[in-house]
Amino acid sequence: MARGARWVRARAVQGVARGARWVRAVRWYLRELTGEAEYDRYCERHRRHHPLAPIPTRREYQTLRSRHREEHPQSRCC
């Protein structure tokens, strides 16, 4: 393979890697924005601290979270 062709191929691979990195960043941002990652973090923490207890479903988690927010209100400006 000629030197120029190797350079072009290397640049193409870098472009694909850059695109994949961008897609991962957007996916991470959307998961954080929608709260989906919060449930995953809760499951990981639950497994570490309560290994024998069953993990609540996403719906049960949302119910527990809503109940906790209602019982422990935080002051907010709005």
Protein backbone atom coordinates (compact mmCIF):
# COMPACT_ATOMS: atom_id res chain seq x y z
CA MET A 1 0.00 0.00 0.00
CA ALA A 2 1.36 3.40 -0.91
CA ARG A 3 2.18 5.89 1.78
CA GLY A 4 -0.58 8.27 0.69
CA ALA A 5 -3.19 5.52 0.78
CA ARG A 6 -2.15 4.60 4.34
CA TRP A 7 -2.53 8.22 5.39
CA VAL A 8 -6.01 8.44 3.85
CA ARG A 9 -7.05 5.19 5.53
CA ALA A 10 -5.71 6.37 8.91
CA ARG A 11 -7.65 9.63 8.58
CA ALA A 12 -10.82 7.69 7.72
CA VAL A 13 -10.40 5.49 10.81
CA GLN A 14 -9.87 8.60 12.95
CA GLY A 15 -13.05 10.10 11.52
CA VAL A 16 -15.06 7.00 12.38
CA ALA A 17 -13.62 6.99 15.92
CA ARG A 18 -14.46 10.67 16.30
CA GLY A 19 -18.02 10.02 15.11
CA ALA A 20 -18.45 7.11 17.52
CA ARG A 21 -17.15 9.26 20.38
CA TRP A 22 -19.66 11.99 19.45
CA VAL A 23 -22.53 9.48 19.37
CA ARG A 24 -21.54 8.15 22.82
CA ALA A 25 -21.43 11.69 24.20
CA VAL A 26 -24.89 12.53 22.83
CA ARG A 27 -26.29 9.24 24.17
CA TRP A 28 -24.82 9.96 27.61
CA TYR A 29 -26.27 13.49 27.60
CA LEU A 30 -29.75 12.30 26.62
CA ARG A 31 -29.73 9.54 29.26
CA GLU A 32 -28.76 12.08 31.94
CA LEU A 33 -31.35 14.58 30.69
CA THR A 34 -34.22 12.07 30.71
CA GLY A 35 -33.25 10.44 34.02
CA GLU A 36 -32.70 6.99 32.55
CA ALA A 37 -29.15 6.85 33.89
CA GLU A 38 -30.44 7.63 37.39
CA TYR A 39 -32.30 4.31 37.55
CA ASP A 40 -29.19 2.44 36.36
CA ARG A 41 -27.09 4.10 39.08
CA TYR A 42 -29.75 3.21 41.64
CA CYS A 43 -29.67 -0.45 40.55
CA GLU A 44 -25.87 -0.58 40.84
CA ARG A 45 -25.98 0.97 44.31
CA HIS A 46 -28.80 -1.33 45.37
CA ARG A 47 -26.83 -4.41 44.25
CA ARG A 48 -23.76 -3.26 46.21
CA HIS A 49 -25.54 -2.39 49.44
CA HIS A 50 -28.37 -4.96 49.40
CA PRO A 51 -27.09 -7.96 47.40
CA LEU A 52 -29.87 -10.33 48.51
CA ALA A 53 -32.81 -7.95 48.14
CA PRO A 54 -34.75 -7.92 44.85
CA ILE A 55 -34.19 -4.88 42.65
CA PRO A 56 -37.32 -2.78 42.11
CA THR A 57 -38.63 -2.44 38.58
CA ARG A 58 -38.36 0.92 36.87
CA ARG A 59 -42.01 1.64 37.66
CA GLU A 60 -41.57 0.73 41.34
CA TYR A 61 -38.48 2.93 41.44
CA GLN A 62 -40.41 5.88 39.98
CA THR A 63 -43.15 5.38 42.59
CA LEU A 64 -40.61 5.26 45.43
CA ARG A 65 -38.86 8.33 44.09
CA SER A 66 -42.10 10.31 43.76
CA ARG A 67 -43.18 9.32 47.27
CA HIS A 68 -39.81 10.36 48.68
CA ARG A 69 -39.97 13.75 46.94
CA GLU A 70 -43.45 14.40 48.34
CA GLU A 71 -42.46 13.39 51.88
CA HIS A 72 -39.16 15.33 51.83
CA PRO A 73 -39.75 18.60 49.96
CA GLN A 74 -36.73 20.78 49.24
CA SER A 75 -36.83 24.51 49.05
CA ARG A 76 -36.66 25.81 45.51
CA CYS A 77 -36.79 29.21 43.99
CA CYS A 78 -39.51 28.21 41.49
